[in-house]
Amino acid sequence: MTPQELANLAHLRRARDLIDRDYALPLDVPTMATRALMSSAHFSRQFRAAYGETPYSYLMTRRIERAMALLRVGTSVTDACIAVGCTSLGSFSTRFTELLGVTPSVYRAAEHAAVAAMPSCVAKVRTRPARQKQPTAA
């Protein structure tokens, strides 16, 4: 890797850390790009190349991940949606269902005793939502 590529990765990491830390705040791509010292379009391309998903997709995955933890302890779907920084309950529910295959209400009602018995660092890894690859039409 060239020194410039290493510097770009450091800038991208700074933006990703911003998302991880401030996921509940209103974040947009221009704000993230500013943190990475890049233009919005260049930042989006570089972020996707480095992390395999767009900045917005990464942000929503982090929000859903945090919402899952709230729903497991009995927080209402609406309160979880607001707590993680989503402004639309419909969009939140759609993205949640897309990532996990169940609605937030179904997830909240499910039994989560196994997760409660895990150390939090293990639970975080085991319950992290994974974006499903969409089948391509042939």
N, C-alpha and C. Protein backbone atom coordinates (compact mmCIF):
# COMPACT_ATOMS: atom_id res chain seq x y z
N MET A 1 0.83 -1.19 0.00
CA MET A 1 0.00 0.00 0.00
C MET A 1 0.87 1.25 0.00
N THR A 2 0.43 2.21 -0.74
CA THR A 2 1.17 3.47 -0.80
C THR A 2 0.85 4.31 0.43
N PRO A 3 1.70 5.27 0.73
CA PRO A 3 1.40 6.16 1.87
C PRO A 3 0.07 6.89 1.70
N GLN A 4 -0.29 7.25 0.46
CA GLN A 4 -1.57 7.93 0.22
C GLN A 4 -2.76 7.01 0.52
N GLU A 5 -2.65 5.74 0.13
CA GLU A 5 -3.72 4.78 0.41
C GLU A 5 -3.88 4.57 1.91
N LEU A 6 -2.78 4.52 2.63
CA LEU A 6 -2.84 4.39 4.08
C LEU A 6 -3.49 5.61 4.72
N ALA A 7 -3.15 6.78 4.20
CA ALA A 7 -3.76 8.02 4.72
C ALA A 7 -5.25 8.02 4.45
N ASN A 8 -5.67 7.58 3.25
CA ASN A 8 -7.10 7.51 2.93
C ASN A 8 -7.82 6.56 3.87
N LEU A 9 -7.21 5.41 4.16
CA LEU A 9 -7.83 4.46 5.09
C LEU A 9 -7.97 5.06 6.49
N ALA A 10 -6.99 5.82 6.91
CA ALA A 10 -7.07 6.48 8.22
C ALA A 10 -8.23 7.48 8.24
N HIS A 11 -8.40 8.22 7.15
CA HIS A 11 -9.51 9.18 7.07
C HIS A 11 -10.85 8.46 7.05
N LEU A 12 -10.93 7.36 6.31
CA LEU A 12 -12.17 6.57 6.28
C LEU A 12 -12.48 6.01 7.66
N ARG A 13 -11.46 5.57 8.36
CA ARG A 13 -11.67 5.04 9.72
C ARG A 13 -12.21 6.12 10.65
N ARG A 14 -11.73 7.34 10.48
CA ARG A 14 -12.22 8.46 11.28
C ARG A 14 -13.72 8.66 11.05
N ALA A 15 -14.14 8.57 9.80
CA ALA A 15 -15.56 8.71 9.48
C ALA A 15 -16.36 7.53 10.02
N ARG A 16 -15.82 6.32 9.92
CA ARG A 16 -16.52 5.15 10.45
C ARG A 16 -16.64 5.23 11.97
N ASP A 17 -15.62 5.74 12.63
CA ASP A 17 -15.68 5.93 14.08
C ASP A 17 -16.76 6.95 14.44
N LEU A 18 -16.91 7.98 13.62
CA LEU A 18 -17.97 8.96 13.82
C LEU A 18 -19.34 8.28 13.78
N ILE A 19 -19.54 7.42 12.79
CA ILE A 19 -20.81 6.70 12.67
C ILE A 19 -21.02 5.81 13.89
N ASP A 20 -20.00 5.06 14.28
CA ASP A 20 -20.13 4.16 15.42
C ASP A 20 -20.45 4.90 16.71
N ARG A 21 -19.87 6.08 16.89
CA ARG A 21 -20.05 6.85 18.11
C ARG A 21 -21.35 7.67 18.10
N ASP A 22 -21.66 8.29 16.98
CA ASP A 22 -22.77 9.25 16.92
C ASP A 22 -23.92 8.75 16.06
N TYR A 23 -24.15 7.44 16.03
CA TYR A 23 -25.19 6.85 15.18
C TYR A 23 -26.57 7.44 15.46
N ALA A 24 -26.85 7.89 16.67
CA ALA A 24 -28.18 8.40 17.01
C ALA A 24 -28.38 9.85 16.60
N LEU A 25 -27.33 10.51 16.17
CA LEU A 25 -27.43 11.89 15.72
C LEU A 25 -27.79 11.93 14.24
N PRO A 26 -28.34 13.04 13.77
CA PRO A 26 -28.63 13.14 12.33
C PRO A 26 -27.32 13.24 11.54
N LEU A 27 -26.91 12.14 10.93
CA LEU A 27 -25.69 12.11 10.13
C LEU A 27 -26.05 11.98 8.66
N ASP A 28 -25.35 12.71 7.82
CA ASP A 28 -25.53 12.57 6.39
C ASP A 28 -24.16 12.37 5.74
N VAL A 29 -24.16 11.98 4.48
CA VAL A 29 -22.91 11.68 3.79
C VAL A 29 -21.99 12.90 3.74
N PRO A 30 -22.49 14.12 3.48
CA PRO A 30 -21.56 15.26 3.48
C PRO A 30 -20.85 15.46 4.83
N THR A 31 -21.55 15.23 5.92
CA THR A 31 -20.93 15.36 7.25
C THR A 31 -19.84 14.31 7.43
N MET A 32 -20.16 13.07 7.03
CA MET A 32 -19.17 11.99 7.14
C MET A 32 -17.98 12.26 6.22
N ALA A 33 -18.25 12.75 5.02
CA ALA A 33 -17.18 13.03 4.06
C ALA A 33 -16.26 14.13 4.58
N THR A 34 -16.83 15.11 5.22
CA THR A 34 -16.03 16.19 5.82
C THR A 34 -15.07 15.62 6.86
N ARG A 35 -15.56 14.68 7.66
CA ARG A 35 -14.71 14.04 8.67
C ARG A 35 -13.56 13.28 8.01
N ALA A 36 -13.82 12.73 6.84
CA ALA A 36 -12.80 11.95 6.12
C ALA A 36 -11.95 12.83 5.19
N LEU A 37 -12.22 14.14 5.20
CA LEU A 37 -11.47 15.09 4.37
C LEU A 37 -11.57 14.74 2.88
N MET A 38 -12.79 14.38 2.45
CA MET A 38 -13.02 14.00 1.05
C MET A 38 -14.32 14.64 0.57
N SER A 39 -14.47 14.70 -0.75
CA SER A 39 -15.76 15.12 -1.30
C SER A 39 -16.76 14.00 -1.05
N SER A 40 -18.04 14.31 -1.08
CA SER A 40 -19.08 13.31 -0.79
C SER A 40 -19.02 12.12 -1.74
N ALA A 41 -18.90 12.38 -3.03
CA ALA A 41 -18.90 11.29 -4.01
C ALA A 41 -17.65 10.42 -3.85
N HIS A 42 -16.50 11.05 -3.70
CA HIS A 42 -15.26 10.29 -3.53
C HIS A 42 -15.31 9.48 -2.23
N PHE A 43 -15.80 10.10 -1.18
CA PHE A 43 -15.93 9.41 0.10
C PHE A 43 -16.83 8.18 -0.02
N SER A 44 -17.97 8.32 -0.66
CA SER A 44 -18.90 7.19 -0.81
C SER A 44 -18.24 6.04 -1.57
N ARG A 45 -17.54 6.36 -2.64
CA ARG A 45 -16.85 5.31 -3.42
C ARG A 45 -15.76 4.64 -2.60
N GLN A 46 -14.96 5.44 -1.91
CA GLN A 46 -13.86 4.89 -1.13
C GLN A 46 -14.36 4.07 0.07
N PHE A 47 -15.42 4.55 0.71
CA PHE A 47 -15.98 3.83 1.86
C PHE A 47 -16.51 2.48 1.42
N ARG A 48 -17.23 2.46 0.31
CA ARG A 48 -17.77 1.19 -0.20
C ARG A 48 -16.64 0.22 -0.58
N ALA A 49 -15.60 0.74 -1.19
CA ALA A 49 -14.47 -0.11 -1.56
C ALA A 49 -13.77 -0.68 -0.33
N ALA A 50 -13.66 0.11 0.72
CA ALA A 50 -12.95 -0.32 1.93
C ALA A 50 -13.79 -1.23 2.82
N TYR A 51 -15.09 -0.94 2.96
CA TYR A 51 -15.92 -1.64 3.94
C TYR A 51 -17.03 -2.49 3.34
N GLY A 52 -17.20 -2.45 2.03
CA GLY A 52 -18.15 -3.33 1.38
C GLY A 52 -19.59 -2.87 1.39
N GLU A 53 -19.87 -1.70 1.92
CA GLU A 53 -21.22 -1.14 1.88
C GLU A 53 -21.12 0.38 1.90
N THR A 54 -22.20 1.02 1.52
CA THR A 54 -22.20 2.48 1.46
C THR A 54 -22.19 3.05 2.87
N PRO A 55 -21.80 4.31 3.03
CA PRO A 55 -21.81 4.92 4.36
C PRO A 55 -23.20 4.90 4.99
N TYR A 56 -24.23 5.20 4.20
CA TYR A 56 -25.59 5.21 4.75
C TYR A 56 -26.01 3.81 5.18
N SER A 57 -25.68 2.82 4.39
CA SER A 57 -26.00 1.45 4.74
C SER A 57 -25.30 1.04 6.03
N TYR A 58 -24.05 1.42 6.18
CA TYR A 58 -23.30 1.13 7.41
C TYR A 58 -23.97 1.81 8.60
N LEU A 59 -24.36 3.06 8.43
CA LEU A 59 -25.04 3.80 9.50
C LEU A 59 -26.33 3.09 9.90
N MET A 60 -27.13 2.70 8.93
CA MET A 60 -28.40 2.04 9.26
C MET A 60 -28.17 0.67 9.90
N THR A 61 -27.14 -0.04 9.50
CA THR A 61 -26.82 -1.31 10.13
C THR A 61 -26.46 -1.10 11.59
N ARG A 62 -25.67 -0.07 11.89
CA ARG A 62 -25.32 0.22 13.28
C ARG A 62 -26.57 0.60 14.07
N ARG A 63 -27.46 1.38 13.47
CA ARG A 63 -28.68 1.77 14.17
C ARG A 63 -29.56 0.56 14.47
N ILE A 64 -29.69 -0.33 13.50
CA ILE A 64 -30.49 -1.54 13.72
C ILE A 64 -29.85 -2.40 14.80
N GLU A 65 -28.54 -2.50 14.78
CA GLU A 65 -27.82 -3.27 15.80
C GLU A 65 -28.13 -2.73 17.20
N ARG A 66 -28.10 -1.43 17.37
CA ARG A 66 -28.39 -0.82 18.67
C ARG A 66 -29.86 -0.99 19.03
N ALA A 67 -30.74 -0.90 18.03
CA ALA A 67 -32.17 -1.10 18.27
C ALA A 67 -32.46 -2.52 18.73
N MET A 68 -31.75 -3.49 18.17
CA MET A 68 -31.94 -4.89 18.58
C MET A 68 -31.69 -5.04 20.08
N ALA A 69 -30.62 -4.41 20.56
CA ALA A 69 -30.31 -4.49 21.99
C ALA A 69 -31.42 -3.87 22.83
N LEU A 70 -31.97 -2.76 22.37
CA LEU A 70 -33.07 -2.12 23.10
C LEU A 70 -34.33 -2.98 23.08
N LEU A 71 -34.63 -3.57 21.94
CA LEU A 71 -35.82 -4.41 21.82
C LEU A 71 -35.71 -5.67 22.67
N ARG A 72 -34.50 -6.20 22.82
CA ARG A 72 -34.32 -7.40 23.64
C ARG A 72 -34.65 -7.15 25.11
N VAL A 73 -34.50 -5.91 25.58
CA VAL A 73 -34.81 -5.60 26.98
C VAL A 73 -36.22 -5.05 27.15
N GLY A 74 -37.03 -5.09 26.08
CA GLY A 74 -38.43 -4.72 26.19
C GLY A 74 -38.81 -3.31 25.81
N THR A 75 -37.88 -2.54 25.26
CA THR A 75 -38.20 -1.19 24.80
C THR A 75 -39.22 -1.28 23.66
N SER A 76 -40.16 -0.35 23.62
CA SER A 76 -41.14 -0.38 22.54
C SER A 76 -40.45 -0.10 21.21
N VAL A 77 -41.08 -0.53 20.13
CA VAL A 77 -40.51 -0.34 18.79
C VAL A 77 -40.35 1.14 18.50
N THR A 78 -41.34 1.93 18.82
CA THR A 78 -41.27 3.37 18.57
C THR A 78 -40.14 4.01 19.36
N ASP A 79 -40.03 3.66 20.64
CA ASP A 79 -38.96 4.24 21.46
C ASP A 79 -37.58 3.82 20.97
N ALA A 80 -37.44 2.57 20.54
CA ALA A 80 -36.16 2.10 20.01
C ALA A 80 -35.82 2.85 18.73
N CYS A 81 -36.80 3.04 17.88
CA CYS A 81 -36.62 3.76 16.62
C CYS A 81 -36.09 5.16 16.89
N ILE A 82 -36.72 5.87 17.79
CA ILE A 82 -36.32 7.24 18.11
C ILE A 82 -34.96 7.26 18.79
N ALA A 83 -34.71 6.32 19.70
CA ALA A 83 -33.45 6.28 20.46
C ALA A 83 -32.23 6.10 19.58
N VAL A 84 -32.39 5.39 18.47
CA VAL A 84 -31.24 5.14 17.59
C VAL A 84 -31.10 6.17 16.48
N GLY A 85 -31.97 7.18 16.48
CA GLY A 85 -31.81 8.27 15.53
C GLY A 85 -32.62 8.18 14.26
N CYS A 86 -33.51 7.22 14.17
CA CYS A 86 -34.37 7.12 12.98
C CYS A 86 -35.55 8.06 13.16
N THR A 87 -35.94 8.72 12.09
CA THR A 87 -37.04 9.66 12.17
C THR A 87 -38.33 9.11 11.59
N SER A 88 -38.26 7.99 10.88
CA SER A 88 -39.43 7.39 10.28
C SER A 88 -39.58 5.96 10.77
N LEU A 89 -40.68 5.70 11.46
CA LEU A 89 -40.93 4.35 11.97
C LEU A 89 -41.08 3.36 10.81
N GLY A 90 -41.69 3.79 9.72
CA GLY A 90 -41.86 2.92 8.56
C GLY A 90 -40.54 2.53 7.93
N SER A 91 -39.65 3.51 7.73
CA SER A 91 -38.33 3.21 7.16
C SER A 91 -37.51 2.34 8.10
N PHE A 92 -37.60 2.63 9.39
CA PHE A 92 -36.90 1.82 10.38
C PHE A 92 -37.38 0.37 10.32
N SER A 93 -38.69 0.17 10.32
CA SER A 93 -39.24 -1.19 10.29
C SER A 93 -38.88 -1.92 9.00
N THR A 94 -38.91 -1.20 7.90
CA THR A 94 -38.55 -1.80 6.61
C THR A 94 -37.09 -2.25 6.62
N ARG A 95 -36.20 -1.39 7.06
CA ARG A 95 -34.77 -1.73 7.09
C ARG A 95 -34.50 -2.85 8.09
N PHE A 96 -35.17 -2.82 9.24
CA PHE A 96 -35.01 -3.87 10.26
C PHE A 96 -35.41 -5.22 9.67
N THR A 97 -36.57 -5.25 9.02
CA THR A 97 -37.06 -6.49 8.41
C THR A 97 -36.14 -6.96 7.30
N GLU A 98 -35.62 -6.03 6.51
CA GLU A 98 -34.69 -6.36 5.43
C GLU A 98 -33.43 -7.02 5.97
N LEU A 99 -32.91 -6.52 7.08
CA LEU A 99 -31.67 -7.06 7.65
C LEU A 99 -31.88 -8.37 8.40
N LEU A 100 -32.97 -8.48 9.16
CA LEU A 100 -33.15 -9.63 10.04
C LEU A 100 -34.18 -10.65 9.56
N GLY A 101 -35.02 -10.25 8.65
CA GLY A 101 -36.03 -11.19 8.16
C GLY A 101 -37.29 -11.26 9.03
N VAL A 102 -37.33 -10.48 10.10
CA VAL A 102 -38.52 -10.39 10.96
C VAL A 102 -38.75 -8.92 11.29
N THR A 103 -39.99 -8.59 11.61
CA THR A 103 -40.32 -7.22 11.97
C THR A 103 -39.77 -6.91 13.36
N PRO A 104 -39.62 -5.63 13.70
CA PRO A 104 -39.15 -5.29 15.05
C PRO A 104 -40.07 -5.83 16.14
N SER A 105 -41.38 -5.83 15.90
CA SER A 105 -42.33 -6.35 16.90
C SER A 105 -42.13 -7.83 17.14
N VAL A 106 -41.93 -8.59 16.07
CA VAL A 106 -41.69 -10.03 16.20
C VAL A 106 -40.37 -10.27 16.93
N TYR A 107 -39.35 -9.50 16.59
CA TYR A 107 -38.05 -9.64 17.25
C TYR A 107 -38.18 -9.34 18.74
N ARG A 108 -38.90 -8.28 19.07
CA ARG A 108 -39.08 -7.89 20.48
C ARG A 108 -39.80 -8.97 21.26
N ALA A 109 -40.79 -9.62 20.64
CA ALA A 109 -41.58 -10.64 21.32
C ALA A 109 -40.85 -11.98 21.46
N ALA A 110 -39.81 -12.18 20.68
CA ALA A 110 -39.08 -13.46 20.70
C ALA A 110 -38.31 -13.62 22.01
N GLU A 111 -37.97 -14.86 22.30
CA GLU A 111 -37.19 -15.18 23.50
C GLU A 111 -35.72 -14.88 23.24
N HIS A 112 -35.08 -14.16 24.15
CA HIS A 112 -33.68 -13.78 23.99
C HIS A 112 -32.85 -14.20 25.20
N ALA A 113 -33.25 -15.27 25.87
CA ALA A 113 -32.55 -15.71 27.07
C ALA A 113 -31.11 -16.10 26.77
N ALA A 114 -30.85 -16.72 25.63
CA ALA A 114 -29.49 -17.14 25.29
C ALA A 114 -28.58 -15.92 25.16
N VAL A 115 -29.09 -14.84 24.57
CA VAL A 115 -28.29 -13.64 24.42
C VAL A 115 -28.02 -13.01 25.78
N ALA A 116 -29.02 -13.03 26.65
CA ALA A 116 -28.86 -12.46 27.99
C ALA A 116 -27.79 -13.21 28.79
N ALA A 117 -27.61 -14.49 28.51
CA ALA A 117 -26.63 -15.29 29.25
C ALA A 117 -25.21 -15.10 28.73
N MET A 118 -25.06 -14.50 27.56
CA MET A 118 -23.72 -14.30 26.97
C MET A 118 -23.07 -13.05 27.55
N PRO A 119 -21.74 -13.05 27.62
CA PRO A 119 -21.05 -11.80 27.93
C PRO A 119 -21.39 -10.78 26.82
N SER A 120 -21.46 -9.52 27.18
CA SER A 120 -21.90 -8.50 26.21
C SER A 120 -21.02 -8.43 24.98
N CYS A 121 -19.72 -8.67 25.13
CA CYS A 121 -18.83 -8.62 23.96
C CYS A 121 -19.13 -9.76 22.99
N VAL A 122 -19.53 -10.91 23.50
CA VAL A 122 -19.89 -12.05 22.64
C VAL A 122 -21.25 -11.80 22.02
N ALA A 123 -22.20 -11.30 22.82
CA ALA A 123 -23.55 -11.02 22.31
C ALA A 123 -23.50 -10.01 21.17
N LYS A 124 -22.64 -9.02 21.28
CA LYS A 124 -22.54 -7.99 20.24
C LYS A 124 -22.11 -8.61 18.91
N VAL A 125 -21.16 -9.52 18.96
CA VAL A 125 -20.68 -10.17 17.73
C VAL A 125 -21.71 -11.15 17.19
N ARG A 126 -22.31 -11.94 18.06
CA ARG A 126 -23.26 -12.98 17.63
C ARG A 126 -24.57 -12.42 17.11
N THR A 127 -24.97 -11.24 17.58
CA THR A 127 -26.25 -10.68 17.16
C THR A 127 -26.11 -9.58 16.12
N ARG A 128 -24.90 -9.28 15.69
CA ARG A 128 -24.69 -8.22 14.68
C ARG A 128 -25.45 -8.56 13.41
N PRO A 129 -26.30 -7.65 12.93
CA PRO A 129 -27.03 -7.94 11.70
C PRO A 129 -26.09 -8.00 10.51
N ALA A 130 -26.35 -8.94 9.64
CA ALA A 130 -25.54 -9.09 8.42
C ALA A 130 -26.41 -8.81 7.22
N ARG A 131 -25.95 -7.93 6.38
CA ARG A 131 -26.70 -7.59 5.17
C ARG A 131 -26.78 -8.81 4.27
N GLN A 132 -27.98 -9.14 3.86
CA GLN A 132 -28.20 -10.30 3.01
C GLN A 132 -27.94 -9.92 1.56
N LYS A 133 -27.24 -10.76 0.84
CA LYS A 133 -27.01 -10.53 -0.60
C LYS A 133 -28.33 -10.79 -1.33
N GLN A 134 -28.69 -9.86 -2.17
CA GLN A 134 -29.92 -10.00 -2.96
C GLN A 134 -29.63 -10.88 -4.15
N PRO A 135 -30.50 -11.85 -4.45
CA PRO A 135 -30.28 -12.69 -5.63
C PRO A 135 -30.38 -11.85 -6.90
N THR A 136 -29.53 -12.15 -7.84
CA THR A 136 -29.56 -11.40 -9.10
C THR A 136 -30.44 -12.13 -10.09
N ALA A 137 -31.15 -11.37 -10.88
CA ALA A 137 -32.03 -11.96 -11.90
C ALA A 137 -31.17 -12.41 -13.08
N ALA A 138 -31.45 -13.59 -13.56
CA ALA A 138 -30.65 -14.12 -14.67
C ALA A 138 -31.34 -13.86 -16.00
